[in-house]
Amino acid sequence: MPAAELVGSRRALLAGLALCAGAALLLLYAPRALRPAPAPAAPINLTATSPAPPAAGNHTSPAPASRDSRVIFTRDVYEAGHSQPHAERCAARGAGLRLLILVTSAPDHAAAREAVRLTWGHAALRRDIGFAFVLGSLDSRHEAKADAIRAEDELYGDIIIGNSRDSYSNLTLKTLSMLEWVHTYCPEVPRLLKADDDMFINVPRLLQFIDARKNETRTIWGRVFERISPQRSLRSKYYLSPRQYPSNVFPDYATGGAYLMTTDVAGELLQAAGQEPYLRLEDVFVTGVLASKLKIKRQNAAEFYNKQVLYLTCNVQKGISIHMVRYHEQFDLWRKLLDGLTKCGDT
């Protein structure tokens, strides 16, 4: 065999062995049979303590316009419930889980979801970890996309679909849908990781982080920004008018790529959201405005990179979350996480 072919063959063999070894090293799992869905908790009514009722006939969760300076309350645009709840993703209401990972995704991000499943999403096979993707609903104009998602879910059974419409302007509504699902179907799980589908998550490191903070309550961990001012430039995609957000400084907040929370606050965050003006900046609204109002602690954790970093083996092994990872890069990071030769220290 020519030398080039021999080298290529060896590389392919090593790559296959690395994936197999990684699955065994990371998971230590046993097959988990589907169990009957738990009885859902009583739903939270976002209008229960609000001074005004929701807008009549609102069944499509209209996305607030990105340059609209009107004040729109969250209770008027959030559609409660899930058309595809997959309650079986959280057996026994989460009582046997250490961690629930919910990944917010978009309908046309099938490649990103597949890359996550084939790499760090393998953790879903552990009996002490719950895992699912969270999407919003699609209207009749996107029937082809809806059919593709149904086919994908038939294959994997891991896509939760909320009733609020899926769009970039509705990221806040998608996170509220996630919190509603936790409150309804998985209230006994102690920790929730919210992640986007362009994140790489080091699950073993995350579990170590959780175990070192078992007794913490009412806390959100992540990459916390302090004293950030709202964008007032109309050219910015993060623009907020003074009417939408009057203050000149945001409360401290955890950046939205990935953050960890104690689930004792999930229901409170959801309830408080209905009484606040809608902000399409999901991380600012949920982990900043609402968390500050409810006196929930936000703690900065250096392990949550939540940004692009050099894809060095030790960066991957020491961190918990890396942001802006393209779907094909997930496999490179996964391989580096499983590298058994590089000595990083304190890993």
C-alpha atoms as a PDB file:
ATOM      1  CA  MET A   1       0.000   0.000   0.000  1.00  0.00           C
ATOM      2  CA  PRO A   2       1.410   3.474  -0.888  1.00  0.00           C
ATOM      3  CA  ALA A   3       2.550   5.563   2.097  1.00  0.00           C
ATOM      4  CA  ALA A   4      -0.112   8.235   1.549  1.00  0.00           C
ATOM      5  CA  GLU A   5      -2.921   5.667   1.536  1.00  0.00           C
ATOM      6  CA  LEU A   6      -1.452   3.993   4.617  1.00  0.00           C
ATOM      7  CA  VAL A   7      -1.369   7.304   6.517  1.00  0.00           C
ATOM      8  CA  GLY A   8      -4.943   8.087   5.466  1.00  0.00           C
ATOM      9  CA  SER A   9      -6.120   4.659   6.541  1.00  0.00           C
ATOM     10  CA  ARG A  10      -4.460   5.014   9.924  1.00  0.00           C
ATOM     11  CA  ARG A  11      -5.993   8.453  10.435  1.00  0.00           C
ATOM     12  CA  ALA A  12      -9.464   7.131   9.663  1.00  0.00           C
ATOM     13  CA  LEU A  13      -8.935   4.223  12.044  1.00  0.00           C
ATOM     14  CA  LEU A  14      -7.712   6.528  14.831  1.00  0.00           C
ATOM     15  CA  ALA A  15     -10.668   8.863  14.326  1.00  0.00           C
ATOM     16  CA  GLY A  16     -13.091   5.967  14.610  1.00  0.00           C
ATOM     17  CA  LEU A  17     -11.377   4.663  17.730  1.00  0.00           C
ATOM     18  CA  ALA A  18     -11.443   8.149  19.284  1.00  0.00           C
ATOM     19  CA  LEU A  19     -15.206   8.436  18.812  1.00  0.00           C
ATOM     20  CA  CYS A  20     -15.823   4.992  20.259  1.00  0.00           C
ATOM     21  CA  ALA A  21     -13.529   5.606  23.211  1.00  0.00           C
ATOM     22  CA  GLY A  22     -15.100   8.992  23.775  1.00  0.00           C
ATOM     23  CA  ALA A  23     -18.571   7.552  24.003  1.00  0.00           C
ATOM     24  CA  ALA A  24     -17.411   5.095  26.640  1.00  0.00           C
ATOM     25  CA  LEU A  25     -15.383   7.677  28.563  1.00  0.00           C
ATOM     26  CA  LEU A  26     -18.000  10.418  28.580  1.00  0.00           C
ATOM     27  CA  LEU A  27     -21.190   8.488  29.055  1.00  0.00           C
ATOM     28  CA  LEU A  28     -20.895   5.314  31.072  1.00  0.00           C
ATOM     29  CA  TYR A  29     -24.510   4.846  30.116  1.00  0.00           C
ATOM     30  CA  ALA A  30     -27.029   2.075  29.977  1.00  0.00           C
ATOM     31  CA  PRO A  31     -29.957   2.033  27.507  1.00  0.00           C
ATOM     32  CA  ARG A  32     -32.889   4.032  28.791  1.00  0.00           C
ATOM     33  CA  ALA A  33     -36.357   2.800  27.966  1.00  0.00           C
ATOM     34  CA  LEU A  34     -39.147   5.253  27.328  1.00  0.00           C
ATOM     35  CA  ARG A  35     -41.319   5.748  30.377  1.00  0.00           C
ATOM     36  CA  PRO A  36     -44.851   7.072  30.668  1.00  0.00           C
ATOM     37  CA  ALA A  37     -45.005  10.839  30.554  1.00  0.00           C
ATOM     38  CA  PRO A  38     -45.340  12.425  34.005  1.00  0.00           C
ATOM     39  CA  ALA A  39     -48.470  14.291  34.977  1.00  0.00           C
ATOM     40  CA  PRO A  40     -47.789  17.941  34.135  1.00  0.00           C
ATOM     41  CA  ALA A  41     -47.704  20.588  36.824  1.00  0.00           C
ATOM     42  CA  ALA A  42     -50.367  23.269  36.962  1.00  0.00           C
ATOM     43  CA  PRO A  43     -49.651  25.845  34.227  1.00  0.00           C
ATOM     44  CA  ILE A  44     -48.520  29.332  35.121  1.00  0.00           C
ATOM     45  CA  ASN A  45     -50.842  32.084  33.958  1.00  0.00           C
ATOM     46  CA  LEU A  46     -48.744  35.050  32.919  1.00  0.00           C
ATOM     47  CA  THR A  47     -51.760  37.341  33.275  1.00  0.00           C
ATOM     48  CA  ALA A  48     -52.763  36.230  36.771  1.00  0.00           C
ATOM     49  CA  THR A  49     -51.370  39.298  38.506  1.00  0.00           C
ATOM     50  CA  SER A  50     -51.173  41.589  35.506  1.00  0.00           C
ATOM     51  CA  PRO A  51     -53.283  44.758  35.329  1.00  0.00           C
ATOM     52  CA  ALA A  52     -54.489  44.160  31.759  1.00  0.00           C
ATOM     53  CA  PRO A  53     -55.760  41.064  29.948  1.00  0.00           C
ATOM     54  CA  PRO A  54     -53.934  39.608  26.937  1.00  0.00           C
ATOM     55  CA  ALA A  55     -54.840  40.908  23.520  1.00  0.00           C
ATOM     56  CA  ALA A  56     -57.950  39.226  22.161  1.00  0.00           C
ATOM     57  CA  GLY A  57     -57.532  36.724  19.387  1.00  0.00           C
ATOM     58  CA  ASN A  58     -53.737  36.550  19.663  1.00  0.00           C
ATOM     59  CA  HIS A  59     -52.832  33.082  18.453  1.00  0.00           C
ATOM     60  CA  THR A  60     -49.762  33.779  16.347  1.00  0.00           C
ATOM     61  CA  SER A  61     -47.352  35.480  18.766  1.00  0.00           C
ATOM     62  CA  PRO A  62     -46.585  38.466  16.535  1.00  0.00           C
ATOM     63  CA  ALA A  63     -42.923  39.364  16.730  1.00  0.00           C
ATOM     64  CA  PRO A  64     -42.334  42.892  18.020  1.00  0.00           C
ATOM     65  CA  ALA A  65     -40.835  44.934  15.195  1.00  0.00           C
ATOM     66  CA  SER A  66     -37.100  45.463  15.630  1.00  0.00           C
ATOM     67  CA  ARG A  67     -37.384  49.257  15.238  1.00  0.00           C
ATOM     68  CA  ASP A  68     -40.812  49.689  16.850  1.00  0.00           C
ATOM     69  CA  SER A  69     -40.600  51.959  19.888  1.00  0.00           C
ATOM     70  CA  ARG A  70     -43.994  50.937  21.282  1.00  0.00           C
ATOM     71  CA  VAL A  71     -44.020  49.234  24.656  1.00  0.00           C
ATOM     72  CA  ILE A  72     -45.429  45.717  24.322  1.00  0.00           C
ATOM     73  CA  PHE A  73     -45.940  43.594  27.407  1.00  0.00           C
ATOM     74  CA  THR A  74     -44.697  40.025  27.339  1.00  0.00           C
ATOM     75  CA  ARG A  75     -48.086  38.695  28.431  1.00  0.00           C
ATOM     76  CA  ASP A  76     -49.551  40.027  25.169  1.00  0.00           C
ATOM     77  CA  VAL A  77     -47.205  38.119  22.855  1.00  0.00           C
ATOM     78  CA  TYR A  78     -46.333  34.914  24.709  1.00  0.00           C
ATOM     79  CA  GLU A  79     -48.297  31.821  23.665  1.00  0.00           C
ATOM     80  CA  ALA A  80     -48.267  29.295  26.501  1.00  0.00           C
ATOM     81  CA  GLY A  81     -48.144  25.557  25.956  1.00  0.00           C
ATOM     82  CA  HIS A  82     -46.348  23.154  23.640  1.00  0.00           C
ATOM     83  CA  SER A  83     -47.753  21.523  20.526  1.00  0.00           C
ATOM     84  CA  GLN A  84     -45.071  18.850  20.809  1.00  0.00           C
ATOM     85  CA  PRO A  85     -44.111  18.570  24.494  1.00  0.00           C
ATOM     86  CA  HIS A  86     -42.216  15.248  24.624  1.00  0.00           C
ATOM     87  CA  ALA A  87     -42.815  14.983  28.354  1.00  0.00           C
ATOM     88  CA  GLU A  88     -41.113  11.577  28.306  1.00  0.00           C
ATOM     89  CA  ARG A  89     -37.781  13.381  27.925  1.00  0.00           C
ATOM     90  CA  CYS A  90     -38.024  13.995  31.673  1.00  0.00           C
ATOM     91  CA  ALA A  91     -39.020  10.772  33.430  1.00  0.00           C
ATOM     92  CA  ALA A  92     -40.426  11.020  36.972  1.00  0.00           C
ATOM     93  CA  ARG A  93     -40.599  14.832  36.637  1.00  0.00           C
ATOM     94  CA  GLY A  94     -36.797  14.933  36.740  1.00  0.00           C
ATOM     95  CA  ALA A  95     -36.413  13.373  40.187  1.00  0.00           C
ATOM     96  CA  GLY A  96     -33.652  11.037  38.977  1.00  0.00           C
ATOM     97  CA  LEU A  97     -31.703  13.625  36.979  1.00  0.00           C
ATOM     98  CA  ARG A  98     -28.639  15.662  37.906  1.00  0.00           C
ATOM     99  CA  LEU A  99     -28.927  17.965  34.934  1.00  0.00           C
ATOM    100  CA  LEU A 100     -31.320  18.956  32.160  1.00  0.00           C
ATOM    101  CA  ILE A 101     -29.832  20.378  28.947  1.00  0.00           C
ATOM    102  CA  LEU A 102     -32.220  22.276  26.677  1.00  0.00           C
ATOM    103  CA  VAL A 103     -30.787  23.577  23.404  1.00  0.00           C
ATOM    104  CA  THR A 104     -32.623  26.409  21.671  1.00  0.00           C
ATOM    105  CA  SER A 105     -32.543  25.918  17.916  1.00  0.00           C
ATOM    106  CA  ALA A 106     -34.122  27.232  14.715  1.00  0.00           C
ATOM    107  CA  PRO A 107     -36.181  25.206  12.227  1.00  0.00           C
ATOM    108  CA  ASP A 108     -33.553  25.313   9.478  1.00  0.00           C
ATOM    109  CA  HIS A 109     -30.639  24.375  11.771  1.00  0.00           C
ATOM    110  CA  ALA A 110     -30.935  20.629  11.180  1.00  0.00           C
ATOM    111  CA  ALA A 111     -27.204  20.266  10.476  1.00  0.00           C
ATOM    112  CA  ALA A 112     -26.323  21.990  13.750  1.00  0.00           C
ATOM    113  CA  ARG A 113     -28.680  19.712  15.695  1.00  0.00           C
ATOM    114  CA  GLU A 114     -27.218  16.623  14.037  1.00  0.00           C
ATOM    115  CA  ALA A 115     -23.670  17.720  14.881  1.00  0.00           C
ATOM    116  CA  VAL A 116     -24.636  18.245  18.527  1.00  0.00           C
ATOM    117  CA  ARG A 117     -26.255  14.795  18.707  1.00  0.00           C
ATOM    118  CA  LEU A 118     -23.152  13.147  17.266  1.00  0.00           C
ATOM    119  CA  THR A 119     -20.740  14.927  19.627  1.00  0.00           C
ATOM    120  CA  TRP A 120     -21.358  16.417  23.060  1.00  0.00           C
ATOM    121  CA  GLY A 121     -25.092  15.667  22.872  1.00  0.00           C
ATOM    122  CA  HIS A 122     -24.172  12.008  23.450  1.00  0.00           C
ATOM    123  CA  ALA A 123     -24.537  12.894  27.127  1.00  0.00           C
ATOM    124  CA  ALA A 124     -28.284  12.514  26.613  1.00  0.00           C
ATOM    125  CA  LEU A 125     -27.762   8.755  26.768  1.00  0.00           C
ATOM    126  CA  ARG A 126     -26.783   8.988  30.409  1.00  0.00           C
ATOM    127  CA  ARG A 127     -29.574   8.140  32.820  1.00  0.00           C
ATOM    128  CA  ASP A 128     -28.858  11.176  35.008  1.00  0.00           C
ATOM    129  CA  ILE A 129     -28.995  13.770  32.207  1.00  0.00           C
ATOM    130  CA  GLY A 130     -32.041  14.969  30.281  1.00  0.00           C
ATOM    131  CA  PHE A 131     -31.645  16.527  26.846  1.00  0.00           C
ATOM    132  CA  ALA A 132     -33.825  18.074  24.143  1.00  0.00           C
ATOM    133  CA  PHE A 133     -33.951  20.815  21.529  1.00  0.00           C
ATOM    134  CA  VAL A 134     -36.500  23.638  21.853  1.00  0.00           C
ATOM    135  CA  LEU A 135     -38.095  25.259  18.795  1.00  0.00           C
ATOM    136  CA  GLY A 136     -40.999  27.601  18.230  1.00  0.00           C
ATOM    137  CA  SER A 137     -44.016  26.962  16.033  1.00  0.00           C
ATOM    138  CA  LEU A 138     -44.202  27.469  12.274  1.00  0.00           C
ATOM    139  CA  ASP A 139     -47.195  28.878  10.428  1.00  0.00           C
ATOM    140  CA  SER A 140     -48.787  27.396   7.314  1.00  0.00           C
ATOM    141  CA  ARG A 141     -46.432  29.303   5.009  1.00  0.00           C
ATOM    142  CA  HIS A 142     -43.576  27.047   6.120  1.00  0.00           C
ATOM    143  CA  GLU A 143     -45.211  23.647   5.717  1.00  0.00           C
ATOM    144  CA  ALA A 144     -42.138  22.151   4.039  1.00  0.00           C
ATOM    145  CA  LYS A 145     -39.965  23.115   7.013  1.00  0.00           C
ATOM    146  CA  ALA A 146     -42.585  21.769   9.401  1.00  0.00           C
ATOM    147  CA  ASP A 147     -42.631  18.457   7.524  1.00  0.00           C
ATOM    148  CA  ALA A 148     -38.834  18.229   7.732  1.00  0.00           C
ATOM    149  CA  ILE A 149     -38.914  18.862  11.479  1.00  0.00           C
ATOM    150  CA  ARG A 150     -41.617  16.230  11.968  1.00  0.00           C
ATOM    151  CA  ALA A 151     -39.503  13.710  10.060  1.00  0.00           C
ATOM    152  CA  GLU A 152     -36.436  14.608  12.132  1.00  0.00           C
ATOM    153  CA  ASP A 153     -38.392  14.223  15.337  1.00  0.00           C
ATOM    154  CA  GLU A 154     -39.819  10.891  14.204  1.00  0.00           C
ATOM    155  CA  LEU A 155     -36.224   9.715  13.992  1.00  0.00           C
ATOM    156  CA  TYR A 156     -34.883  11.168  17.239  1.00  0.00           C
ATOM    157  CA  GLY A 157     -37.862  12.163  19.405  1.00  0.00           C
ATOM    158  CA  ASP A 158     -35.944  15.047  20.969  1.00  0.00           C
ATOM    159  CA  ILE A 159     -37.554  18.222  19.574  1.00  0.00           C
ATOM    160  CA  ILE A 160     -39.863  20.183  21.876  1.00  0.00           C
ATOM    161  CA  ILE A 161     -42.049  22.694  20.024  1.00  0.00           C
ATOM    162  CA  GLY A 162     -43.613  25.604  21.867  1.00  0.00           C
ATOM    163  CA  ASN A 163     -46.673  27.515  20.728  1.00  0.00           C
ATOM    164  CA  SER A 164     -44.953  30.877  20.231  1.00  0.00           C
ATOM    165  CA  ARG A 165     -43.870  31.563  16.675  1.00  0.00           C
ATOM    166  CA  ASP A 166     -40.252  30.799  15.804  1.00  0.00           C
ATOM    167  CA  SER A 167     -38.290  33.856  14.679  1.00  0.00           C
ATOM    168  CA  TYR A 168     -35.116  35.700  15.622  1.00  0.00           C
ATOM    169  CA  SER A 169     -37.163  38.451  17.276  1.00  0.00           C
ATOM    170  CA  ASN A 170     -38.849  35.817  19.442  1.00  0.00           C
ATOM    171  CA  LEU A 171     -35.764  34.348  21.121  1.00  0.00           C
ATOM    172  CA  THR A 172     -37.073  35.619  24.447  1.00  0.00           C
ATOM    173  CA  LEU A 173     -40.365  33.788  23.891  1.00  0.00           C
ATOM    174  CA  LYS A 174     -38.474  30.594  23.071  1.00  0.00           C
ATOM    175  CA  THR A 175     -36.579  30.786  26.360  1.00  0.00           C
ATOM    176  CA  LEU A 176     -39.823  31.417  28.239  1.00  0.00           C
ATOM    177  CA  SER A 177     -41.258  28.347  26.506  1.00  0.00           C
ATOM    178  CA  MET A 178     -38.250  26.415  27.772  1.00  0.00           C
ATOM    179  CA  LEU A 179     -38.857  27.630  31.336  1.00  0.00           C
ATOM    180  CA  GLU A 180     -42.539  26.721  31.055  1.00  0.00           C
ATOM    181  CA  TRP A 181     -41.592  23.196  29.948  1.00  0.00           C
ATOM    182  CA  VAL A 182     -39.264  22.795  32.930  1.00  0.00           C
ATOM    183  CA  HIS A 183     -41.914  24.056  35.339  1.00  0.00           C
ATOM    184  CA  THR A 184     -44.600  21.821  33.816  1.00  0.00           C
ATOM    185  CA  TYR A 185     -42.809  18.565  33.047  1.00  0.00           C
ATOM    186  CA  CYS A 186     -39.443  18.565  34.838  1.00  0.00           C
ATOM    187  CA  PRO A 187     -39.700  20.564  38.080  1.00  0.00           C
ATOM    188  CA  GLU A 188     -37.662  18.095  40.163  1.00  0.00           C
ATOM    189  CA  VAL A 189     -34.430  18.364  38.161  1.00  0.00           C
ATOM    190  CA  PRO A 190     -31.967  20.451  40.217  1.00  0.00           C
ATOM    191  CA  ARG A 191     -30.034  22.153  37.391  1.00  0.00           C
ATOM    192  CA  LEU A 192     -30.907  23.450  33.919  1.00  0.00           C
ATOM    193  CA  LEU A 193     -28.377  24.339  31.227  1.00  0.00           C
ATOM    194  CA  LYS A 194     -29.755  26.575  28.497  1.00  0.00           C
ATOM    195  CA  ALA A 195     -27.566  26.474  25.393  1.00  0.00           C
ATOM    196  CA  ASP A 196     -27.773  27.612  21.783  1.00  0.00           C
ATOM    197  CA  ASP A 197     -27.146  25.151  18.969  1.00  0.00           C
ATOM    198  CA  ASP A 198     -23.863  26.858  18.026  1.00  0.00           C
ATOM    199  CA  MET A 199     -22.308  26.101  21.409  1.00  0.00           C
ATOM    200  CA  PHE A 200     -19.852  23.352  22.280  1.00  0.00           C
ATOM    201  CA  ILE A 201     -20.470  22.055  25.811  1.00  0.00           C
ATOM    202  CA  ASN A 202     -17.920  20.124  27.856  1.00  0.00           C
ATOM    203  CA  VAL A 203     -20.408  17.992  29.774  1.00  0.00           C
ATOM    204  CA  PRO A 204     -17.920  16.217  32.099  1.00  0.00           C
ATOM    205  CA  ARG A 205     -16.522  19.604  33.152  1.00  0.00           C
ATOM    206  CA  LEU A 206     -20.050  20.935  33.619  1.00  0.00           C
ATOM    207  CA  LEU A 207     -20.923  18.037  35.919  1.00  0.00           C
ATOM    208  CA  GLN A 208     -17.809  18.748  37.990  1.00  0.00           C
ATOM    209  CA  PHE A 209     -18.890  22.387  38.217  1.00  0.00           C
ATOM    210  CA  ILE A 210     -22.365  21.347  39.383  1.00  0.00           C
ATOM    211  CA  ASP A 211     -21.078  18.875  41.964  1.00  0.00           C
ATOM    212  CA  ALA A 212     -18.924  21.593  43.543  1.00  0.00           C
ATOM    213  CA  ARG A 213     -22.035  23.765  44.028  1.00  0.00           C
ATOM    214  CA  LYS A 214     -24.678  21.257  45.072  1.00  0.00           C
ATOM    215  CA  ASN A 215     -26.112  23.382  47.864  1.00  0.00           C
ATOM    216  CA  GLU A 216     -26.561  26.589  45.882  1.00  0.00           C
ATOM    217  CA  THR A 217     -30.086  27.915  45.335  1.00  0.00           C
ATOM    218  CA  ARG A 218     -31.606  30.790  43.353  1.00  0.00           C
ATOM    219  CA  THR A 219     -28.526  31.228  41.188  1.00  0.00           C
ATOM    220  CA  ILE A 220     -27.618  31.660  37.520  1.00  0.00           C
ATOM    221  CA  TRP A 221     -24.030  30.948  36.426  1.00  0.00           C
ATOM    222  CA  GLY A 222     -22.380  31.957  33.177  1.00  0.00           C
ATOM    223  CA  ARG A 223     -20.373  34.716  31.553  1.00  0.00           C
ATOM    224  CA  VAL A 224     -21.814  37.683  33.409  1.00  0.00           C
ATOM    225  CA  PHE A 225     -21.655  41.187  31.936  1.00  0.00           C
ATOM    226  CA  GLU A 226     -21.821  44.172  34.274  1.00  0.00           C
ATOM    227  CA  ARG A 227     -22.938  47.746  33.639  1.00  0.00           C
ATOM    228  CA  ILE A 228     -23.643  47.332  29.926  1.00  0.00           C
ATOM    229  CA  SER A 229     -25.584  50.165  28.283  1.00  0.00           C
ATOM    230  CA  PRO A 230     -28.430  49.572  25.810  1.00  0.00           C
ATOM    231  CA  GLN A 231     -27.776  50.307  22.160  1.00  0.00           C
ATOM    232  CA  ARG A 232     -29.491  53.521  21.101  1.00  0.00           C
ATOM    233  CA  SER A 233     -28.213  53.525  17.525  1.00  0.00           C
ATOM    234  CA  LEU A 234     -30.878  52.670  14.961  1.00  0.00           C
ATOM    235  CA  ARG A 235     -28.208  50.842  12.967  1.00  0.00           C
ATOM    236  CA  SER A 236     -27.636  48.260  15.689  1.00  0.00           C
ATOM    237  CA  LYS A 237     -29.551  44.988  15.594  1.00  0.00           C
ATOM    238  CA  TYR A 238     -29.635  45.270  19.394  1.00  0.00           C
ATOM    239  CA  TYR A 239     -31.339  48.671  19.303  1.00  0.00           C
ATOM    240  CA  LEU A 240     -33.691  49.532  22.157  1.00  0.00           C
ATOM    241  CA  SER A 241     -35.588  52.801  22.310  1.00  0.00           C
ATOM    242  CA  PRO A 242     -35.781  54.717  25.602  1.00  0.00           C
ATOM    243  CA  ARG A 243     -39.486  53.842  25.703  1.00  0.00           C
ATOM    244  CA  GLN A 244     -38.735  50.135  25.466  1.00  0.00           C
ATOM    245  CA  TYR A 245     -35.978  50.320  28.075  1.00  0.00           C
ATOM    246  CA  PRO A 246     -35.693  53.685  29.880  1.00  0.00           C
ATOM    247  CA  SER A 247     -32.633  52.956  32.034  1.00  0.00           C
ATOM    248  CA  ASN A 248     -29.155  53.757  30.750  1.00  0.00           C
ATOM    249  CA  VAL A 249     -27.655  50.559  32.194  1.00  0.00           C
ATOM    250  CA  PHE A 250     -28.757  46.932  32.083  1.00  0.00           C
ATOM    251  CA  PRO A 251     -28.780  44.854  35.255  1.00  0.00           C
ATOM    252  CA  ASP A 252     -25.930  42.349  35.405  1.00  0.00           C
ATOM    253  CA  TYR A 253     -26.807  39.481  33.070  1.00  0.00           C
ATOM    254  CA  ALA A 254     -25.406  36.169  31.830  1.00  0.00           C
ATOM    255  CA  THR A 255     -24.751  36.074  28.095  1.00  0.00           C
ATOM    256  CA  GLY A 256     -27.271  33.919  26.306  1.00  0.00           C
ATOM    257  CA  GLY A 257     -25.073  31.407  24.496  1.00  0.00           C
ATOM    258  CA  ALA A 258     -25.091  29.134  27.524  1.00  0.00           C
ATOM    259  CA  TYR A 259     -25.943  29.570  31.171  1.00  0.00           C
ATOM    260  CA  LEU A 260     -26.720  27.276  34.082  1.00  0.00           C
ATOM    261  CA  MET A 261     -29.464  27.870  36.622  1.00  0.00           C
ATOM    262  CA  THR A 262     -30.964  26.287  39.687  1.00  0.00           C
ATOM    263  CA  THR A 263     -34.443  25.250  38.645  1.00  0.00           C
ATOM    264  CA  ASP A 264     -36.094  26.571  41.797  1.00  0.00           C
ATOM    265  CA  VAL A 265     -36.383  29.888  39.927  1.00  0.00           C
ATOM    266  CA  ALA A 266     -37.831  28.640  36.609  1.00  0.00           C
ATOM    267  CA  GLY A 267     -41.467  29.187  37.557  1.00  0.00           C
ATOM    268  CA  GLU A 268     -40.746  32.561  39.149  1.00  0.00           C
ATOM    269  CA  LEU A 269     -38.971  33.822  36.039  1.00  0.00           C
ATOM    270  CA  LEU A 270     -41.865  32.736  33.863  1.00  0.00           C
ATOM    271  CA  GLN A 271     -44.460  34.357  36.111  1.00  0.00           C
ATOM    272  CA  ALA A 272     -42.537  37.624  36.390  1.00  0.00           C
ATOM    273  CA  ALA A 273     -42.067  37.838  32.620  1.00  0.00           C
ATOM    274  CA  GLY A 274     -45.741  38.528  31.967  1.00  0.00           C
ATOM    275  CA  GLN A 275     -45.645  41.690  34.018  1.00  0.00           C
ATOM    276  CA  GLU A 276     -42.690  43.223  32.174  1.00  0.00           C
ATOM    277  CA  PRO A 277     -42.379  45.020  28.827  1.00  0.00           C
ATOM    278  CA  TYR A 278     -41.138  42.640  26.157  1.00  0.00           C
ATOM    279  CA  LEU A 279     -37.433  42.779  25.318  1.00  0.00           C
ATOM    280  CA  ARG A 280     -36.160  40.736  22.409  1.00  0.00           C
ATOM    281  CA  LEU A 281     -32.697  40.592  24.010  1.00  0.00           C
ATOM    282  CA  GLU A 282     -33.283  37.222  25.646  1.00  0.00           C
ATOM    283  CA  ASP A 283     -30.266  37.159  27.945  1.00  0.00           C
ATOM    284  CA  VAL A 284     -30.774  40.722  29.158  1.00  0.00           C
ATOM    285  CA  PHE A 285     -34.470  40.121  29.804  1.00  0.00           C
ATOM    286  CA  VAL A 286     -34.354  36.701  31.503  1.00  0.00           C
ATOM    287  CA  THR A 287     -31.035  36.696  33.367  1.00  0.00           C
ATOM    288  CA  GLY A 288     -30.861  40.462  33.841  1.00  0.00           C
ATOM    289  CA  VAL A 289     -34.197  42.265  34.162  1.00  0.00           C
ATOM    290  CA  LEU A 290     -36.222  39.370  35.586  1.00  0.00           C
ATOM    291  CA  ALA A 291     -33.426  37.912  37.706  1.00  0.00           C
ATOM    292  CA  SER A 292     -32.673  41.317  39.204  1.00  0.00           C
ATOM    293  CA  LYS A 293     -36.345  41.901  40.003  1.00  0.00           C
ATOM    294  CA  LEU A 294     -36.549  38.493  41.723  1.00  0.00           C
ATOM    295  CA  LYS A 295     -33.199  38.918  43.513  1.00  0.00           C
ATOM    296  CA  ILE A 296     -31.724  35.860  41.810  1.00  0.00           C
ATOM    297  CA  LYS A 297     -27.935  35.729  42.059  1.00  0.00           C
ATOM    298  CA  ARG A 298     -25.895  35.953  38.851  1.00  0.00           C
ATOM    299  CA  GLN A 299     -22.407  34.570  39.276  1.00  0.00           C
ATOM    300  CA  ASN A 300     -19.633  34.873  36.733  1.00  0.00           C
ATOM    301  CA  ALA A 301     -17.901  31.577  35.973  1.00  0.00           C
ATOM    302  CA  ALA A 302     -14.684  31.741  33.963  1.00  0.00           C
ATOM    303  CA  GLU A 303     -15.310  28.237  32.597  1.00  0.00           C
ATOM    304  CA  PHE A 304     -18.221  29.615  30.583  1.00  0.00           C
ATOM    305  CA  TYR A 305     -16.218  31.144  27.737  1.00  0.00           C
ATOM    306  CA  ASN A 306     -19.373  31.974  25.733  1.00  0.00           C
ATOM    307  CA  LYS A 307     -17.187  33.429  23.012  1.00  0.00           C
ATOM    308  CA  GLN A 308     -14.894  32.307  20.239  1.00  0.00           C
ATOM    309  CA  VAL A 309     -11.581  30.993  21.543  1.00  0.00           C
ATOM    310  CA  LEU A 310      -8.601  29.320  19.960  1.00  0.00           C
ATOM    311  CA  TYR A 311      -9.490  25.686  19.470  1.00  0.00           C
ATOM    312  CA  LEU A 312      -6.567  24.436  21.534  1.00  0.00           C
ATOM    313  CA  THR A 313      -6.943  21.119  23.302  1.00  0.00           C
ATOM    314  CA  CYS A 314      -6.481  22.632  26.765  1.00  0.00           C
ATOM    315  CA  ASN A 315      -9.001  25.408  26.063  1.00  0.00           C
ATOM    316  CA  VAL A 316     -11.546  22.759  25.156  1.00  0.00           C
ATOM    317  CA  GLN A 317     -10.791  20.547  28.140  1.00  0.00           C
ATOM    318  CA  LYS A 318     -10.721  23.330  30.751  1.00  0.00           C
ATOM    319  CA  GLY A 319     -13.795  25.248  29.603  1.00  0.00           C
ATOM    320  CA  ILE A 320     -17.503  24.466  29.818  1.00  0.00           C
ATOM    321  CA  SER A 321     -18.911  26.395  26.850  1.00  0.00           C
ATOM    322  CA  ILE A 322     -17.477  27.712  23.582  1.00  0.00           C
ATOM    323  CA  HIS A 323     -19.619  29.950  21.382  1.00  0.00           C
ATOM    324  CA  MET A 324     -20.036  30.489  17.631  1.00  0.00           C
ATOM    325  CA  VAL A 325     -19.087  26.928  16.725  1.00  0.00           C
ATOM    326  CA  ARG A 326     -20.059  25.924  13.192  1.00  0.00           C
ATOM    327  CA  TYR A 327     -21.600  22.497  12.857  1.00  0.00           C
ATOM    328  CA  HIS A 328     -18.544  20.907  11.217  1.00  0.00           C
ATOM    329  CA  GLU A 329     -16.288  22.336  13.947  1.00  0.00           C
ATOM    330  CA  GLN A 330     -18.184  20.423  16.636  1.00  0.00           C
ATOM    331  CA  PHE A 331     -16.358  17.249  15.564  1.00  0.00           C
ATOM    332  CA  ASP A 332     -12.912  18.829  15.894  1.00  0.00           C
ATOM    333  CA  LEU A 333     -13.716  20.121  19.386  1.00  0.00           C
ATOM    334  CA  TRP A 334     -15.164  16.743  20.344  1.00  0.00           C
ATOM    335  CA  ARG A 335     -11.949  15.021  19.249  1.00  0.00           C
ATOM    336  CA  LYS A 336      -9.867  17.468  21.300  1.00  0.00           C
ATOM    337  CA  LEU A 337     -12.060  16.941  24.342  1.00  0.00           C
ATOM    338  CA  LEU A 338     -11.324  13.222  24.096  1.00  0.00           C
ATOM    339  CA  ASP A 339      -7.583  13.695  23.599  1.00  0.00           C
ATOM    340  CA  GLY A 340      -5.940  11.438  26.165  1.00  0.00           C
ATOM    341  CA  LEU A 341      -2.361  12.544  25.484  1.00  0.00           C
ATOM    342  CA  THR A 342      -2.223  16.305  26.083  1.00  0.00           C
ATOM    343  CA  LYS A 343      -1.490  17.268  29.697  1.00  0.00           C
ATOM    344  CA  CYS A 344      -3.384  20.416  30.630  1.00  0.00           C
ATOM    345  CA  GLY A 345      -3.274  20.342  34.420  1.00  0.00           C
ATOM    346  CA  ASP A 346      -6.256  20.891  36.736  1.00  0.00           C
ATOM    347  CA  THR A 347      -8.615  19.146  34.332  1.00  0.00           C
END
